[in-house]
Amino acid sequence: MSNQEEIINDENDELYEHYHFVASKGQEPLRVDKFLMNFVENATRNKIQQAAKDGNVFVI
């Protein structure tokens, strides 16, 4: 599993944390919000779900 994090300052002076996760081959099926809970520190499932609803979680 790889994890990259960077903090970016945009035009509005807001900070965003960007993460990149790759599921291991053979990973058991798991909801994305539950999967991310294992890797994003200090994030609640509610915050992750809201980020997904807002279009800020991308799965390819």
Protein backbone atom coordinates (compact mmCIF):
# COMPACT_ATOMS: atom_id res chain seq x y z
CA MET A 1 0.00 0.00 0.00
CA SER A 2 1.36 3.43 -0.87
CA ASN A 3 0.35 6.70 0.71
CA GLN A 4 1.23 10.20 -0.43
CA GLU A 5 0.11 13.33 1.37
CA GLU A 6 0.62 16.91 0.35
CA ILE A 7 -0.87 20.16 1.55
CA ILE A 8 -1.78 22.72 -1.10
CA ASN A 9 -2.62 26.41 -0.65
CA ASP A 10 -5.16 27.56 -3.26
CA GLU A 11 -6.35 31.03 -4.31
CA ASN A 12 -8.69 31.28 -1.30
CA ASP A 13 -5.90 30.52 1.17
CA GLU A 14 -7.63 27.26 2.15
CA LEU A 15 -5.53 24.20 2.86
CA TYR A 16 -6.38 20.80 1.42
CA GLU A 17 -4.82 17.47 2.23
CA HIS A 18 -4.41 15.16 -0.74
CA TYR A 19 -3.99 11.43 -0.26
CA HIS A 20 -3.31 8.61 -2.66
CA PHE A 21 -3.99 5.01 -1.64
CA VAL A 22 -3.64 1.81 -3.62
CA ALA A 23 -5.45 -1.30 -2.41
CA SER A 24 -3.30 -4.40 -2.17
CA LYS A 25 -3.90 -7.16 -4.65
CA GLY A 26 -6.29 -9.58 -3.00
CA GLN A 27 -7.84 -6.87 -0.81
CA GLU A 28 -11.16 -8.04 0.61
CA PRO A 29 -14.12 -6.04 -0.74
CA LEU A 30 -14.77 -3.13 1.60
CA ARG A 31 -16.78 0.07 1.38
CA VAL A 32 -14.58 3.00 0.37
CA ASP A 33 -15.40 5.02 3.49
CA LYS A 34 -14.45 2.12 5.75
CA PHE A 35 -11.27 1.47 3.74
CA LEU A 36 -10.21 5.12 4.06
CA MET A 37 -10.93 5.15 7.81
CA ASN A 38 -7.95 2.80 8.19
CA PHE A 39 -5.55 5.26 6.58
CA VAL A 40 -6.65 8.87 7.11
CA GLU A 41 -5.67 10.07 10.58
CA ASN A 42 -8.23 12.10 12.54
CA ALA A 43 -10.93 11.61 9.89
CA THR A 44 -14.36 10.46 10.92
CA ARG A 45 -16.44 8.23 8.68
CA ASN A 46 -18.93 11.07 8.45
CA LYS A 47 -16.24 13.45 7.11
CA ILE A 48 -15.11 10.86 4.57
CA GLN A 49 -18.69 10.25 3.45
CA GLN A 50 -19.26 14.01 3.10
CA ALA A 51 -16.08 14.36 1.06
CA ALA A 52 -17.32 11.59 -1.24
CA LYS A 53 -20.74 13.26 -1.60
CA ASP A 54 -18.99 16.54 -2.43
CA GLY A 55 -17.08 14.79 -5.24
CA ASN A 56 -13.71 14.87 -3.50
CA VAL A 57 -13.06 11.12 -3.41
CA PHE A 58 -11.96 9.52 -6.66
CA VAL A 59 -11.82 5.78 -7.25
CA ILE A 60 -10.27 4.36 -10.40
